[in-house]
Structures are given as structure tokens and as C-alpha cells.
Amino acid sequence: MHHNFLFDLDQTLLDFHASEEKALGIVLRKNGLSFSDEVYPAFKAYNKELWLELEKGTISRTARP
């Protein structure tokens, strides 16, 4: 008998894209930056590029000082 449950939350139980957009707006505004309809698509494109670079190993997750 199995006692484990697996959930696919992204876009199934939660609207990840809406949450991500809202969180980005909150972070930008709290840091004195503006947020508009153009910002989120630009963020998503740049974020995707960074994830691809991370997967290729050309960048790392190590934070810079």
C-alpha cells in the first residue's frame, strides 16, 4: 500500500504565472522601481535565458558578494 501523494502545483492547483507576476511587481515597487505590462514579459525572457545558461553550466547559482 502506498502512502504518498504527488501534486503538480504549477498551473494545475496554483496559477504560478499570476503569482510570479504579482511577486515581481511587489519586489520592484518596494525597491523604488516601476512595474508595467512590459516588465513581466521582459523578465520572463531574461529569466528563461538565465535558466538555459545554468543548465549548460556556463553560469552558476553562487551569489556574488
N, C-alpha and C. Protein backbone atom coordinates (compact mmCIF):
# COMPACT_ATOMS: atom_id res chain seq x y z
N MET A 1 0.84 -1.18 0.00
CA MET A 1 0.00 0.00 0.00
C MET A 1 0.89 1.25 0.00
N HIS A 2 0.55 2.21 -0.84
CA HIS A 2 1.31 3.45 -0.93
C HIS A 2 0.69 4.51 -0.02
N HIS A 3 1.55 5.29 0.60
CA HIS A 3 1.08 6.35 1.49
C HIS A 3 1.60 7.72 1.06
N ASN A 4 1.96 7.84 -0.19
CA ASN A 4 2.50 9.10 -0.69
C ASN A 4 1.54 9.71 -1.71
N PHE A 5 1.51 11.02 -1.72
CA PHE A 5 0.74 11.76 -2.70
C PHE A 5 1.68 12.70 -3.43
N LEU A 6 1.54 12.78 -4.73
CA LEU A 6 2.31 13.71 -5.53
C LEU A 6 1.36 14.74 -6.13
N PHE A 7 1.73 15.99 -6.04
CA PHE A 7 0.91 17.06 -6.59
C PHE A 7 1.71 17.83 -7.62
N ASP A 8 1.09 18.15 -8.72
CA ASP A 8 1.67 19.04 -9.72
C ASP A 8 1.01 20.39 -9.51
N LEU A 9 1.66 21.26 -8.75
CA LEU A 9 1.05 22.53 -8.39
C LEU A 9 1.09 23.56 -9.50
N ASP A 10 2.20 23.64 -10.23
CA ASP A 10 2.36 24.68 -11.25
C ASP A 10 1.31 24.54 -12.34
N GLN A 11 0.48 25.53 -12.44
CA GLN A 11 -0.57 25.63 -13.45
C GLN A 11 -1.64 24.54 -13.32
N THR A 12 -1.61 23.75 -12.27
CA THR A 12 -2.65 22.77 -12.03
C THR A 12 -3.49 23.23 -10.85
N LEU A 13 -2.90 23.29 -9.69
CA LEU A 13 -3.61 23.75 -8.50
C LEU A 13 -3.35 25.23 -8.22
N LEU A 14 -2.23 25.74 -8.69
CA LEU A 14 -1.87 27.15 -8.49
C LEU A 14 -1.61 27.82 -9.83
N ASP A 15 -1.94 29.09 -9.93
CA ASP A 15 -1.62 29.86 -11.12
C ASP A 15 -0.25 30.48 -10.91
N PHE A 16 0.79 29.72 -11.24
CA PHE A 16 2.15 30.13 -10.97
C PHE A 16 2.50 31.43 -11.68
N HIS A 17 2.08 31.59 -12.93
CA HIS A 17 2.44 32.80 -13.69
C HIS A 17 1.84 34.06 -13.07
N ALA A 18 0.59 33.98 -12.63
CA ALA A 18 -0.03 35.14 -11.98
C ALA A 18 0.68 35.47 -10.67
N SER A 19 1.03 34.44 -9.90
CA SER A 19 1.74 34.66 -8.64
C SER A 19 3.12 35.26 -8.87
N GLU A 20 3.81 34.75 -9.90
CA GLU A 20 5.14 35.25 -10.23
C GLU A 20 5.07 36.72 -10.65
N GLU A 21 4.09 37.06 -11.47
CA GLU A 21 3.94 38.45 -11.93
C GLU A 21 3.63 39.38 -10.76
N LYS A 22 2.74 38.95 -9.89
CA LYS A 22 2.39 39.77 -8.73
C LYS A 22 3.59 39.96 -7.81
N ALA A 23 4.33 38.89 -7.55
CA ALA A 23 5.51 38.97 -6.69
C ALA A 23 6.57 39.88 -7.29
N LEU A 24 6.78 39.79 -8.59
CA LEU A 24 7.76 40.67 -9.25
C LEU A 24 7.36 42.13 -9.08
N GLY A 25 6.08 42.42 -9.27
CA GLY A 25 5.60 43.79 -9.09
C GLY A 25 5.83 44.29 -7.68
N ILE A 26 5.56 43.45 -6.70
CA ILE A 26 5.75 43.83 -5.29
C ILE A 26 7.22 44.12 -5.01
N VAL A 27 8.11 43.24 -5.47
CA VAL A 27 9.54 43.42 -5.22
C VAL A 27 10.06 44.69 -5.89
N LEU A 28 9.67 44.91 -7.14
CA LEU A 28 10.14 46.11 -7.84
C LEU A 28 9.64 47.38 -7.16
N ARG A 29 8.36 47.43 -6.84
CA ARG A 29 7.81 48.64 -6.21
C ARG A 29 8.43 48.90 -4.84
N LYS A 30 8.66 47.83 -4.07
CA LYS A 30 9.28 48.02 -2.74
C LYS A 30 10.71 48.53 -2.84
N ASN A 31 11.32 48.36 -4.02
CA ASN A 31 12.68 48.84 -4.23
C ASN A 31 12.71 50.10 -5.08
N GLY A 32 11.58 50.78 -5.16
CA GLY A 32 11.51 52.06 -5.84
C GLY A 32 11.52 51.99 -7.35
N LEU A 33 11.24 50.84 -7.92
CA LEU A 33 11.23 50.68 -9.37
C LEU A 33 9.80 50.57 -9.87
N SER A 34 9.61 50.92 -11.13
CA SER A 34 8.26 50.87 -11.69
C SER A 34 7.97 49.49 -12.26
N PHE A 35 6.69 49.19 -12.34
CA PHE A 35 6.23 47.93 -12.90
C PHE A 35 5.13 48.23 -13.90
N SER A 36 5.25 47.68 -15.10
CA SER A 36 4.24 47.91 -16.13
C SER A 36 3.97 46.59 -16.87
N ASP A 37 3.06 46.64 -17.80
CA ASP A 37 2.71 45.44 -18.57
C ASP A 37 3.89 44.90 -19.38
N GLU A 38 4.85 45.74 -19.69
CA GLU A 38 6.01 45.32 -20.48
C GLU A 38 7.09 44.65 -19.63
N VAL A 39 7.09 44.91 -18.35
CA VAL A 39 8.17 44.42 -17.47
C VAL A 39 8.13 42.91 -17.31
N TYR A 40 6.96 42.35 -17.06
CA TYR A 40 6.88 40.92 -16.78
C TYR A 40 7.32 40.07 -17.98
N PRO A 41 6.86 40.33 -19.20
CA PRO A 41 7.36 39.53 -20.34
C PRO A 41 8.88 39.66 -20.53
N ALA A 42 9.41 40.86 -20.29
CA ALA A 42 10.86 41.05 -20.40
C ALA A 42 11.58 40.24 -19.33
N PHE A 43 11.06 40.25 -18.11
CA PHE A 43 11.63 39.44 -17.03
C PHE A 43 11.60 37.96 -17.39
N LYS A 44 10.46 37.48 -17.90
CA LYS A 44 10.34 36.06 -18.24
C LYS A 44 11.35 35.66 -19.30
N ALA A 45 11.54 36.50 -20.31
CA ALA A 45 12.50 36.19 -21.38
C ALA A 45 13.92 36.12 -20.82
N TYR A 46 14.28 37.10 -20.01
CA TYR A 46 15.63 37.12 -19.42
C TYR A 46 15.82 35.95 -18.46
N ASN A 47 14.81 35.67 -17.66
CA ASN A 47 14.87 34.56 -16.71
C ASN A 47 15.05 33.24 -17.45
N LYS A 48 14.35 33.06 -18.56
CA LYS A 48 14.48 31.83 -19.34
C LYS A 48 15.90 31.67 -19.86
N GLU A 49 16.48 32.77 -20.37
CA GLU A 49 17.87 32.74 -20.84
C GLU A 49 18.82 32.33 -19.72
N LEU A 50 18.62 32.88 -18.54
CA LEU A 50 19.49 32.54 -17.42
C LEU A 50 19.37 31.07 -17.04
N TRP A 51 18.15 30.53 -17.02
CA TRP A 51 17.97 29.11 -16.71
C TRP A 51 18.67 28.23 -17.74
N LEU A 52 18.59 28.60 -19.01
CA LEU A 52 19.27 27.83 -20.06
C LEU A 52 20.78 27.87 -19.86
N GLU A 53 21.31 29.03 -19.51
CA GLU A 53 22.75 29.15 -19.25
C GLU A 53 23.15 28.31 -18.04
N LEU A 54 22.32 28.30 -17.01
CA LEU A 54 22.59 27.49 -15.83
C LEU A 54 22.61 26.00 -16.20
N GLU A 55 21.65 25.57 -17.00
CA GLU A 55 21.59 24.17 -17.42
C GLU A 55 22.81 23.78 -18.25
N LYS A 56 23.32 24.71 -19.06
CA LYS A 56 24.52 24.45 -19.87
C LYS A 56 25.79 24.48 -19.03
N GLY A 57 25.70 25.05 -17.84
CA GLY A 57 26.86 25.13 -16.96
C GLY A 57 27.73 26.34 -17.22
N THR A 58 27.24 27.29 -18.02
CA THR A 58 28.03 28.48 -18.30
C THR A 58 27.92 29.54 -17.20
N ILE A 59 26.93 29.39 -16.34
CA ILE A 59 26.82 30.23 -15.14
C ILE A 59 26.52 29.32 -13.96
N SER A 60 26.68 29.86 -12.75
CA SER A 60 26.38 29.05 -11.56
C SER A 60 25.35 29.80 -10.70
N ARG A 61 24.84 29.10 -9.71
CA ARG A 61 23.86 29.69 -8.80
C ARG A 61 24.53 30.43 -7.66
N THR A 62 25.83 30.41 -7.58
CA THR A 62 26.54 31.06 -6.49
C THR A 62 26.31 32.56 -6.54
N ALA A 63 25.90 33.10 -5.42
CA ALA A 63 25.66 34.54 -5.33
C ALA A 63 26.97 35.30 -5.34
N ARG A 64 26.94 36.43 -5.96
CA ARG A 64 28.13 37.29 -5.96
C ARG A 64 28.09 38.18 -4.73
N PRO A 65 29.27 38.48 -4.16
CA PRO A 65 29.29 39.35 -2.97
C PRO A 65 28.89 40.78 -3.29
